[in-house]
Amino acid sequence: MLLVCCNSGRFTTTDLPQDFGECSVRCPRRRFFARNCGAFYRVRIFATMFYRKPVLAVLLGLIFLSFFGTLCASALMFPETYDWRYRVISNLLSPRDNPGHYWLPACGMALAALFMLPFARYLQRHLEISSPRVARVSYRTFVAGIVALVCTCLIVPQHIHGVFGIWRLHEFLARSSAAFLALGMLCGCWCAWKGCRKSVLAARLFWTWSCVTLLPLVGVLFSECLLLLTRLKLSWAMPVRNGLRHSVFWHLGFWEWTGAAAVFVFLCAAVFLTPPLAVLEGKVREG
C-alpha cells in the first residue's frame, strides 16, 4: 500500500504498481510526490526493517556492546579501583573522577539509547493489542526516557557550578530517565498480565517482565525511603541503617547497575518471548 494525495488535499492509500516509474497518482498539485513514490516506498520498507526480530536481535547486541562494553572498559581504566556494587555509573562519566576516559562511556551510552528507539515502537505495536491507550503511554514514556538518557550523557556531572543555572542537572536527568523507563516497563507488565491467560508464551513474558521490573524498583524505593527515614533521625530506623550501611543493597550504585541490566533483559524478553506481529494481527482479525 502507498499513501497518496487526492484532489481535496487529504491523504489516502492505494496499491503500489509493480513499476515505480509508472506510478499513477492523480493529484496535479502533488507531482513531486508522484515522481518520488518509489523513494517513499523504499523509505517505508527501510523503516519496517527495524521491527523484524533478526534486526532487533542485532540491535540488542549493539546495545550490549555500546552500553556495558564501554562502561566496563572505562571502569578498567578508572584512576581508582572501581567497584560497581558501591560506585554509581555517573563516576565513570565525571570529568573530575575519570578525566581521561569520561567521554567513552558517555558516547557509548548515548549510542545505546539511540539503538533503543526502534524497541519503543515495537513494544507499542505489541501492547496495543491488549490496550491501545496503555500502549501509547508506554511508547511515550520509553521515548521520553531515551531522550533523557541521551541528555544525561551529553551533560556530564558538574561538581563546581551548575549547568544552565541548574544545580545537579545531570542527576536530575538520570533520575528522570530511570523513572520514565520504569513507567514504560510497568505499562508493558500490565498489558502482558491482560494477555497472560491466552497463551503460555504470554504468561512467560509477564513473569519475566514482572521480575526484572518490580524487583529492582522495590529495592530502589526501599533504599531511598530508608535513607529518608534515617535523615529524619527516627529511633527505630537507625539500627536498620547501621545493619545495612555496609551491604550492597544500601548503595545506589548497585541498584543503578541492576536497573540497567533489568532494562536490557526486558528488551531481550520483548524480542524473544513475543510472537511475530503478523501472527498477532491475524489473531485480532479472526477475533
Protein backbone atom coordinates (compact mmCIF):
# COMPACT_ATOMS: atom_id res chain seq x y z
CA MET A 1 0.00 0.00 0.00
CA LEU A 2 1.09 3.57 -0.70
CA LEU A 3 -0.03 6.84 0.83
CA VAL A 4 -1.17 9.28 -1.86
CA CYS A 5 -2.84 12.66 -2.01
CA CYS A 6 -6.31 13.17 -3.53
CA ASN A 7 -7.71 16.34 -5.08
CA SER A 8 -9.05 17.58 -1.76
CA GLY A 9 -5.54 17.70 -0.32
CA ARG A 10 -6.07 14.78 2.04
CA PHE A 11 -4.04 11.59 2.05
CA THR A 12 -5.41 8.17 1.24
CA THR A 13 -4.00 4.76 0.34
CA THR A 14 -3.65 2.97 -2.98
CA ASP A 15 -1.89 -0.11 -4.28
CA LEU A 16 1.69 0.43 -5.38
CA PRO A 17 2.30 -0.58 -9.01
CA GLN A 18 4.93 -3.10 -9.93
CA ASP A 19 6.94 -0.45 -11.78
CA PHE A 20 7.70 2.53 -9.59
CA GLY A 21 8.24 4.69 -12.66
CA GLU A 22 4.61 4.21 -13.79
CA CYS A 23 3.05 5.26 -10.52
CA SER A 24 -0.43 6.60 -11.32
CA VAL A 25 -1.19 9.16 -8.64
CA ARG A 26 -3.94 11.51 -9.77
CA CYS A 27 -3.02 14.69 -7.97
CA PRO A 28 -1.74 17.58 -10.09
CA ARG A 29 -0.85 19.58 -7.01
CA ARG A 30 1.41 16.84 -5.68
CA ARG A 31 3.52 15.94 -8.72
CA PHE A 32 6.66 15.79 -6.61
CA PHE A 33 5.17 13.01 -4.50
CA ALA A 34 4.06 11.18 -7.63
CA ARG A 35 7.52 11.33 -9.16
CA ASN A 36 9.11 10.04 -5.98
CA CYS A 37 6.61 7.38 -4.93
CA GLY A 38 9.28 4.68 -5.28
CA ALA A 39 11.61 6.55 -2.93
CA PHE A 40 8.87 6.94 -0.31
CA TYR A 41 8.06 3.25 -0.57
CA ARG A 42 11.71 2.29 -0.10
CA VAL A 43 11.94 4.53 2.97
CA ARG A 44 8.89 2.84 4.43
CA ILE A 45 10.35 -0.61 3.77
CA PHE A 46 13.60 0.50 5.38
CA ALA A 47 11.73 1.73 8.47
CA THR A 48 9.81 -1.52 8.88
CA MET A 49 13.09 -3.46 8.83
CA PHE A 50 13.78 -2.28 12.37
CA TYR A 51 10.71 -4.14 13.67
CA ARG A 52 11.86 -7.55 12.48
CA LYS A 53 13.20 -9.94 15.10
CA PRO A 54 16.60 -10.60 13.42
CA VAL A 55 17.25 -6.85 13.16
CA LEU A 56 16.15 -6.30 16.75
CA ALA A 57 18.45 -9.12 17.88
CA VAL A 58 21.36 -7.35 16.17
CA LEU A 59 20.35 -4.10 17.88
CA LEU A 60 20.37 -5.91 21.23
CA GLY A 61 23.96 -6.95 20.61
CA LEU A 62 24.90 -3.40 19.69
CA ILE A 63 23.19 -2.07 22.81
CA PHE A 64 25.09 -4.52 24.99
CA LEU A 65 28.43 -3.63 23.43
CA SER A 66 27.91 0.13 23.36
CA PHE A 67 26.44 0.36 26.87
CA PHE A 68 28.02 -2.33 29.04
CA GLY A 69 31.12 -2.66 26.86
CA THR A 70 32.13 0.99 27.13
CA LEU A 71 31.24 1.11 30.83
CA CYS A 72 33.38 -1.94 31.60
CA ALA A 73 36.27 -0.58 29.52
CA SER A 74 36.06 2.76 31.29
CA ALA A 75 35.88 1.02 34.68
CA LEU A 76 39.09 -0.87 33.90
CA MET A 77 40.83 2.42 33.04
CA PHE A 78 39.37 4.26 36.04
CA PRO A 79 42.08 6.07 38.07
CA GLU A 80 40.94 4.37 41.27
CA THR A 81 39.52 0.95 41.96
CA TYR A 82 36.01 0.89 40.58
CA ASP A 83 33.58 -1.46 42.33
CA TRP A 84 30.23 -1.47 40.57
CA ARG A 85 28.46 -2.54 43.74
CA TYR A 86 29.35 0.68 45.57
CA ARG A 87 30.06 3.28 42.89
CA VAL A 88 27.44 4.94 40.73
CA ILE A 89 27.66 4.97 36.93
CA SER A 90 27.98 8.76 36.96
CA ASN A 91 31.51 8.40 38.37
CA LEU A 92 32.57 6.99 35.01
CA LEU A 93 31.02 9.98 33.19
CA SER A 94 32.54 12.58 35.52
CA PRO A 95 35.43 14.71 34.19
CA ARG A 96 36.62 15.08 37.77
CA ASP A 97 36.58 11.39 38.72
CA ASN A 98 37.50 9.98 35.29
CA PRO A 99 39.33 12.79 33.49
CA GLY A 100 40.99 10.66 30.84
CA HIS A 101 38.14 8.50 29.61
CA TYR A 102 34.84 10.04 30.73
CA TRP A 103 33.91 10.62 27.06
CA LEU A 104 33.99 6.88 26.28
CA PRO A 105 31.00 5.77 28.40
CA ALA A 106 29.15 8.99 27.55
CA CYS A 107 29.35 8.24 23.82
CA GLY A 108 28.58 4.55 24.35
CA MET A 109 25.51 5.17 26.48
CA ALA A 110 24.17 7.81 24.08
CA LEU A 111 24.62 5.41 21.17
CA ALA A 112 22.89 2.62 23.11
CA ALA A 113 19.97 4.95 23.82
CA LEU A 114 19.57 5.64 20.10
CA PHE A 115 19.61 1.91 19.40
CA MET A 116 16.70 1.56 21.83
CA LEU A 117 14.36 3.80 19.83
CA PRO A 118 13.02 1.05 17.50
CA PHE A 119 12.09 -1.02 20.56
CA ALA A 120 9.69 1.68 21.77
CA ARG A 121 7.63 1.43 18.59
CA TYR A 122 7.97 -2.34 18.51
CA LEU A 123 6.58 -2.60 22.04
CA GLN A 124 3.70 -0.28 21.22
CA ARG A 125 2.64 -2.41 18.27
CA HIS A 126 2.60 -5.49 20.50
CA LEU A 127 0.97 -3.89 23.54
CA GLU A 128 -1.80 -2.05 21.67
CA ILE A 129 -3.48 -5.40 21.02
CA SER A 130 -4.19 -5.62 24.77
CA SER A 131 -4.75 -1.93 25.47
CA PRO A 132 -4.15 0.82 22.87
CA ARG A 133 -4.22 3.58 25.48
CA VAL A 134 -1.65 1.94 27.77
CA ALA A 135 0.46 1.10 24.70
CA ARG A 136 0.59 4.78 23.77
CA VAL A 137 1.62 5.68 27.32
CA SER A 138 4.34 3.03 27.21
CA TYR A 139 5.63 4.33 23.87
CA ARG A 140 5.76 7.95 25.03
CA THR A 141 7.42 7.16 28.33
CA PHE A 142 10.02 4.97 26.64
CA VAL A 143 10.83 7.73 24.16
CA ALA A 144 10.98 10.30 26.98
CA GLY A 145 13.31 8.03 28.95
CA ILE A 146 15.57 7.54 25.94
CA VAL A 147 15.73 11.28 25.25
CA ALA A 148 16.51 11.95 28.92
CA LEU A 149 19.25 9.29 28.80
CA VAL A 150 20.87 10.95 25.78
CA CYS A 151 20.74 14.33 27.55
CA THR A 152 22.26 12.70 30.63
CA CYS A 153 25.23 11.56 28.56
CA LEU A 154 25.66 14.97 26.92
CA ILE A 155 25.50 16.86 30.22
CA VAL A 156 28.24 15.31 32.32
CA PRO A 157 28.28 15.70 36.13
CA GLN A 158 29.39 19.12 37.32
CA HIS A 159 30.78 19.39 40.84
CA ILE A 160 31.69 23.08 40.93
CA HIS A 161 28.95 25.02 39.10
CA GLY A 162 25.55 24.31 37.67
CA VAL A 163 24.52 23.84 34.04
CA PHE A 164 22.17 26.49 32.59
CA GLY A 165 21.77 27.77 36.11
CA ILE A 166 20.50 24.39 37.35
CA TRP A 167 22.47 22.58 40.02
CA ARG A 168 22.90 18.80 39.63
CA LEU A 169 21.17 18.75 36.24
CA HIS A 170 22.91 15.50 35.31
CA GLU A 171 21.48 13.71 38.32
CA PHE A 172 18.01 15.09 37.61
CA LEU A 173 18.10 13.87 34.00
CA ALA A 174 19.39 10.46 35.08
CA ARG A 175 16.59 10.01 37.60
CA SER A 176 14.04 11.26 35.06
CA SER A 177 15.27 8.72 32.51
CA ALA A 178 15.03 5.91 35.04
CA ALA A 179 11.53 6.98 36.09
CA PHE A 180 10.24 7.17 32.50
CA LEU A 181 11.73 3.80 31.57
CA ALA A 182 10.32 2.21 34.72
CA LEU A 183 6.86 3.60 33.92
CA GLY A 184 7.06 2.22 30.39
CA MET A 185 8.09 -1.17 31.72
CA LEU A 186 5.19 -1.16 34.20
CA CYS A 187 2.78 -0.44 31.35
CA GLY A 188 4.25 -3.40 29.50
CA CYS A 189 3.75 -5.62 32.53
CA TRP A 190 0.12 -4.56 32.80
CA CYS A 191 -0.58 -5.35 29.14
CA ALA A 192 1.23 -8.69 29.44
CA TRP A 193 -0.89 -9.50 32.51
CA LYS A 194 -4.05 -8.92 30.48
CA GLY A 195 -2.91 -11.40 27.87
CA CYS A 196 -1.19 -13.98 30.11
CA ARG A 197 -4.30 -16.22 30.18
CA LYS A 198 -4.43 -16.50 26.41
CA SER A 199 -1.16 -18.38 25.85
CA VAL A 200 1.78 -19.90 27.70
CA LEU A 201 4.15 -17.58 25.85
CA ALA A 202 2.30 -14.52 27.18
CA ALA A 203 2.48 -15.92 30.71
CA ARG A 204 6.25 -16.37 30.41
CA LEU A 205 6.55 -12.83 29.13
CA PHE A 206 4.51 -11.46 32.04
CA TRP A 207 6.55 -13.23 34.72
CA THR A 208 9.85 -12.28 33.10
CA TRP A 209 8.88 -8.63 32.76
CA SER A 210 7.46 -8.54 36.28
CA CYS A 211 10.63 -9.93 37.85
CA VAL A 212 13.04 -7.60 36.03
CA THR A 213 10.78 -4.59 36.64
CA LEU A 214 9.38 -4.96 40.14
CA LEU A 215 12.41 -6.37 41.99
CA PRO A 216 14.83 -3.51 41.16
CA LEU A 217 12.05 -0.95 41.56
CA VAL A 218 11.09 -2.22 45.01
CA GLY A 219 14.75 -2.33 46.03
CA VAL A 220 15.39 1.26 44.97
CA LEU A 221 12.23 2.56 46.65
CA PHE A 222 13.02 0.69 49.86
CA SER A 223 16.59 2.01 49.90
CA GLU A 224 15.53 5.61 49.23
CA CYS A 225 12.72 5.51 51.81
CA LEU A 226 15.05 4.07 54.41
CA LEU A 227 17.63 6.75 53.66
CA LEU A 228 14.96 9.42 54.07
CA LEU A 229 13.85 7.97 57.38
CA THR A 230 17.40 7.89 58.72
CA ARG A 231 17.82 11.56 57.83
CA LEU A 232 14.78 12.25 59.96
CA LYS A 233 16.70 10.52 62.78
CA LEU A 234 13.92 8.20 63.80
CA SER A 235 14.94 5.90 66.60
CA TRP A 236 13.69 2.67 65.05
CA ALA A 237 15.32 3.40 61.67
CA MET A 238 18.87 3.87 62.97
CA PRO A 239 19.51 0.18 63.84
CA VAL A 240 18.27 -0.81 60.38
CA ARG A 241 20.61 1.72 58.80
CA ASN A 242 23.58 0.51 60.81
CA GLY A 243 22.85 -3.05 59.77
CA LEU A 244 22.54 -2.28 56.06
CA ARG A 245 25.05 0.53 55.54
CA HIS A 246 27.84 -1.95 54.72
CA SER A 247 25.60 -4.02 52.44
CA VAL A 248 25.41 -3.60 48.67
CA PHE A 249 21.65 -3.10 48.96
CA TRP A 250 22.26 0.22 50.71
CA HIS A 251 24.28 1.78 47.89
CA LEU A 252 22.72 3.43 44.85
CA GLY A 253 25.42 2.14 42.53
CA PHE A 254 24.26 -1.45 42.97
CA TRP A 255 20.70 -0.53 42.03
CA GLU A 256 21.85 1.54 39.04
CA TRP A 257 23.72 -1.39 37.53
CA THR A 258 20.87 -3.75 38.43
CA GLY A 259 18.34 -1.43 36.78
CA ALA A 260 20.43 -1.13 33.62
CA ALA A 261 20.66 -4.92 33.38
CA ALA A 262 16.91 -5.17 34.04
CA VAL A 263 16.10 -2.86 31.12
CA PHE A 264 18.33 -4.93 28.83
CA VAL A 265 16.67 -8.20 29.92
CA PHE A 266 13.26 -6.54 29.44
CA LEU A 267 14.14 -5.73 25.83
CA CYS A 268 15.51 -9.23 25.27
CA ALA A 269 12.26 -10.73 26.52
CA ALA A 270 10.30 -8.38 24.26
CA VAL A 271 12.16 -9.78 21.25
CA PHE A 272 12.48 -13.47 22.08
CA LEU A 273 9.28 -14.12 24.07
CA THR A 274 6.77 -12.37 21.83
CA PRO A 275 5.17 -13.86 18.70
CA PRO A 276 5.66 -12.16 15.34
CA LEU A 277 3.44 -9.18 14.65
CA ALA A 278 1.83 -10.92 11.68
CA VAL A 279 0.62 -13.72 13.96
CA LEU A 280 -0.86 -11.28 16.46
CA GLU A 281 -2.58 -9.20 13.81
CA GLY A 282 -4.02 -12.39 12.30
CA LYS A 283 -5.48 -13.41 15.66
CA VAL A 284 -7.02 -9.98 16.06
CA ARG A 285 -8.70 -10.25 12.64
CA GLU A 286 -10.02 -13.70 13.48
CA GLY A 287 -11.36 -12.43 16.80
